[in-house]
Amino acid sequence: MLDTIRKLIDDMSKEYGEDFIWWDVSAFGFSTESIARFVNELKTELSTDDPFAADEVIMAAKCDANDDVLFYSPKLGELRIYHLTWSHCREKEGFPTCVRFESAGSAAAYIKQSFEEDYL
């Protein structure tokens, strides 16, 4: 599933160069500690009833223009983009905002469309 996202980011990076604002954390060289900070912040901000708060979560990609981060839950087989608030505490209902995807293809299409609409 993450291969689809990685391919999209690689293809768009080649097409748009430095203007493309999403980073594949595995290719960009995020440190283990840096990735852990993002995952820990997500789990801190989420309500306890959100399955991403309790399950293993993998940070897949990061938007450089804001605090949007694409996470993957292997247990759920689900991708979500969360807009982290960096409050370092549980957020009120409705935060952090989240976009859920049914497939890697829909996540890739969302990232591509958002970039082309907002930044081109």
C-alpha atoms as a PDB file:
ATOM      1  CA  MET A   1       0.000   0.000   0.000  1.00  0.00           C
ATOM      2  CA  LEU A   2       2.753   2.441   0.882  1.00  0.00           C
ATOM      3  CA  ASP A   3       4.503   1.686  -2.418  1.00  0.00           C
ATOM      4  CA  THR A   4       1.703   3.548  -4.253  1.00  0.00           C
ATOM      5  CA  ILE A   5       2.294   6.636  -2.106  1.00  0.00           C
ATOM      6  CA  ARG A   6       6.062   6.406  -2.494  1.00  0.00           C
ATOM      7  CA  LYS A   7       5.732   6.122  -6.282  1.00  0.00           C
ATOM      8  CA  LEU A   8       3.420   9.140  -6.444  1.00  0.00           C
ATOM      9  CA  ILE A   9       5.792  11.248  -4.359  1.00  0.00           C
ATOM     10  CA  ASP A  10       8.765  10.138  -6.439  1.00  0.00           C
ATOM     11  CA  ASP A  11       6.939  10.830  -9.729  1.00  0.00           C
ATOM     12  CA  MET A  12       5.680  14.238  -8.602  1.00  0.00           C
ATOM     13  CA  SER A  13       9.107  15.181  -7.241  1.00  0.00           C
ATOM     14  CA  LYS A  14      10.587  14.420 -10.643  1.00  0.00           C
ATOM     15  CA  GLU A  15       7.830  16.385 -12.405  1.00  0.00           C
ATOM     16  CA  TYR A  16       7.748  19.444 -10.131  1.00  0.00           C
ATOM     17  CA  GLY A  17      11.207  19.354  -8.573  1.00  0.00           C
ATOM     18  CA  GLU A  18      11.694  21.357  -5.401  1.00  0.00           C
ATOM     19  CA  ASP A  19       8.213  22.857  -5.755  1.00  0.00           C
ATOM     20  CA  PHE A  20       6.598  19.580  -4.727  1.00  0.00           C
ATOM     21  CA  ILE A  21       5.902  19.785  -0.995  1.00  0.00           C
ATOM     22  CA  TRP A  22       5.353  16.169   0.138  1.00  0.00           C
ATOM     23  CA  TRP A  23       8.190  14.008   1.419  1.00  0.00           C
ATOM     24  CA  ASP A  24       8.335  10.230   1.552  1.00  0.00           C
ATOM     25  CA  VAL A  25       9.835   9.716   5.001  1.00  0.00           C
ATOM     26  CA  SER A  26      11.615   6.517   3.954  1.00  0.00           C
ATOM     27  CA  ALA A  27      13.340   8.181   0.996  1.00  0.00           C
ATOM     28  CA  PHE A  28      13.962  11.597   2.534  1.00  0.00           C
ATOM     29  CA  GLY A  29      15.927  10.241   5.436  1.00  0.00           C
ATOM     30  CA  PHE A  30      13.775  11.159   8.428  1.00  0.00           C
ATOM     31  CA  SER A  31      15.494   9.814  11.518  1.00  0.00           C
ATOM     32  CA  THR A  32      13.886   7.155  13.665  1.00  0.00           C
ATOM     33  CA  GLU A  33      13.651   9.735  16.460  1.00  0.00           C
ATOM     34  CA  SER A  34      11.952  12.283  14.203  1.00  0.00           C
ATOM     35  CA  ILE A  35       9.398   9.750  12.994  1.00  0.00           C
ATOM     36  CA  ALA A  36       8.742   8.704  16.600  1.00  0.00           C
ATOM     37  CA  ARG A  37       8.045  12.360  17.538  1.00  0.00           C
ATOM     38  CA  PHE A  38       5.369  12.621  14.834  1.00  0.00           C
ATOM     39  CA  VAL A  39       3.757   9.294  15.781  1.00  0.00           C
ATOM     40  CA  ASN A  40       3.858  10.140  19.491  1.00  0.00           C
ATOM     41  CA  GLU A  41       2.322  13.567  18.877  1.00  0.00           C
ATOM     42  CA  LEU A  42      -0.475  11.979  16.855  1.00  0.00           C
ATOM     43  CA  LYS A  43      -1.211   9.457  19.590  1.00  0.00           C
ATOM     44  CA  THR A  44      -1.160  12.219  22.218  1.00  0.00           C
ATOM     45  CA  GLU A  45      -3.598  14.412  20.282  1.00  0.00           C
ATOM     46  CA  LEU A  46      -6.096  11.660  19.390  1.00  0.00           C
ATOM     47  CA  SER A  47      -9.036  10.667  21.541  1.00  0.00           C
ATOM     48  CA  THR A  48      -8.734   7.223  23.092  1.00  0.00           C
ATOM     49  CA  ASP A  49     -11.587   5.875  20.947  1.00  0.00           C
ATOM     50  CA  ASP A  50      -9.698   6.555  17.703  1.00  0.00           C
ATOM     51  CA  PRO A  51      -8.158   3.250  16.550  1.00  0.00           C
ATOM     52  CA  PHE A  52      -5.038   5.068  15.371  1.00  0.00           C
ATOM     53  CA  ALA A  53      -4.383   6.011  19.018  1.00  0.00           C
ATOM     54  CA  ALA A  54      -4.025   2.398  20.147  1.00  0.00           C
ATOM     55  CA  ASP A  55      -2.754   0.541  17.081  1.00  0.00           C
ATOM     56  CA  GLU A  56       0.662   0.483  15.477  1.00  0.00           C
ATOM     57  CA  VAL A  57       0.913   3.496  13.165  1.00  0.00           C
ATOM     58  CA  ILE A  58       3.499   4.130  10.455  1.00  0.00           C
ATOM     59  CA  MET A  59       4.375   7.651   9.348  1.00  0.00           C
ATOM     60  CA  ALA A  60       4.483   7.483   5.551  1.00  0.00           C
ATOM     61  CA  ALA A  61       4.758  11.074   4.285  1.00  0.00           C
ATOM     62  CA  LYS A  62       4.892  14.681   5.438  1.00  0.00           C
ATOM     63  CA  CYS A  63       3.702  17.850   3.741  1.00  0.00           C
ATOM     64  CA  ASP A  64       6.345  20.558   3.948  1.00  0.00           C
ATOM     65  CA  ALA A  65       3.818  23.397   3.612  1.00  0.00           C
ATOM     66  CA  ASN A  66       1.885  22.606   6.803  1.00  0.00           C
ATOM     67  CA  ASP A  67       1.527  20.009   9.529  1.00  0.00           C
ATOM     68  CA  ASP A  68      -0.272  17.419   7.388  1.00  0.00           C
ATOM     69  CA  VAL A  69       1.164  13.960   7.895  1.00  0.00           C
ATOM     70  CA  LEU A  70       0.126  10.746   6.169  1.00  0.00           C
ATOM     71  CA  PHE A  71      -0.075   7.799   8.554  1.00  0.00           C
ATOM     72  CA  TYR A  72      -0.797   4.140   7.868  1.00  0.00           C
ATOM     73  CA  SER A  73      -2.296   1.546  10.213  1.00  0.00           C
ATOM     74  CA  PRO A  74      -1.237  -1.961   9.140  1.00  0.00           C
ATOM     75  CA  LYS A  75      -3.872  -3.519  11.405  1.00  0.00           C
ATOM     76  CA  LEU A  76      -6.698  -1.497   9.842  1.00  0.00           C
ATOM     77  CA  GLY A  77      -5.126  -1.355   6.380  1.00  0.00           C
ATOM     78  CA  GLU A  78      -6.037   2.321   6.371  1.00  0.00           C
ATOM     79  CA  LEU A  79      -4.291   5.547   5.392  1.00  0.00           C
ATOM     80  CA  ARG A  80      -5.145   8.887   6.979  1.00  0.00           C
ATOM     81  CA  ILE A  81      -3.792  12.394   6.707  1.00  0.00           C
ATOM     82  CA  TYR A  82      -3.864  14.164  10.054  1.00  0.00           C
ATOM     83  CA  HIS A  83      -3.234  17.869  10.464  1.00  0.00           C
ATOM     84  CA  LEU A  84      -1.269  17.852  13.706  1.00  0.00           C
ATOM     85  CA  THR A  85      -1.727  20.779  16.088  1.00  0.00           C
ATOM     86  CA  TRP A  86       1.444  20.217  18.130  1.00  0.00           C
ATOM     87  CA  SER A  87      -0.481  20.980  21.316  1.00  0.00           C
ATOM     88  CA  HIS A  88       1.240  18.047  23.089  1.00  0.00           C
ATOM     89  CA  CYS A  89      -2.095  17.102  24.679  1.00  0.00           C
ATOM     90  CA  ARG A  90      -5.372  15.401  23.828  1.00  0.00           C
ATOM     91  CA  GLU A  91      -7.346  17.653  21.505  1.00  0.00           C
ATOM     92  CA  LYS A  92     -10.978  18.648  21.726  1.00  0.00           C
ATOM     93  CA  GLU A  93     -13.462  16.777  19.564  1.00  0.00           C
ATOM     94  CA  GLY A  94     -12.863  17.246  15.843  1.00  0.00           C
ATOM     95  CA  PHE A  95      -9.103  17.757  16.176  1.00  0.00           C
ATOM     96  CA  PRO A  96      -6.655  16.949  14.852  1.00  0.00           C
ATOM     97  CA  THR A  97      -8.486  17.136  11.556  1.00  0.00           C
ATOM     98  CA  CYS A  98      -8.306  13.995   9.483  1.00  0.00           C
ATOM     99  CA  VAL A  99      -8.873  12.837   5.923  1.00  0.00           C
ATOM    100  CA  ARG A 100      -9.466   9.072   5.600  1.00  0.00           C
ATOM    101  CA  PHE A 101      -8.761   7.070   2.474  1.00  0.00           C
ATOM    102  CA  GLU A 102     -10.236   3.818   1.254  1.00  0.00           C
ATOM    103  CA  SER A 103      -7.137   2.969  -0.751  1.00  0.00           C
ATOM    104  CA  ALA A 104      -3.588   4.071  -1.456  1.00  0.00           C
ATOM    105  CA  GLY A 105      -4.781   5.178  -4.885  1.00  0.00           C
ATOM    106  CA  SER A 106      -7.336   7.547  -3.373  1.00  0.00           C
ATOM    107  CA  ALA A 107      -4.715   8.952  -0.984  1.00  0.00           C
ATOM    108  CA  ALA A 108      -2.291   9.481  -3.868  1.00  0.00           C
ATOM    109  CA  ALA A 109      -5.000  11.169  -5.956  1.00  0.00           C
ATOM    110  CA  TYR A 110      -5.880  13.452  -3.024  1.00  0.00           C
ATOM    111  CA  ILE A 111      -2.245  14.484  -2.489  1.00  0.00           C
ATOM    112  CA  LYS A 112      -1.751  15.148  -6.203  1.00  0.00           C
ATOM    113  CA  GLN A 113      -4.990  17.083  -6.602  1.00  0.00           C
ATOM    114  CA  SER A 114      -4.428  19.155  -3.447  1.00  0.00           C
ATOM    115  CA  PHE A 115      -0.931  20.090  -4.574  1.00  0.00           C
ATOM    116  CA  GLU A 116      -2.000  21.017  -8.090  1.00  0.00           C
ATOM    117  CA  GLU A 117      -4.959  23.104  -6.831  1.00  0.00           C
ATOM    118  CA  ASP A 118      -3.203  24.844  -3.948  1.00  0.00           C
ATOM    119  CA  TYR A 119       0.367  25.321  -5.076  1.00  0.00           C
ATOM    120  CA  LEU A 120       0.417  25.583  -8.850  1.00  0.00           C
END
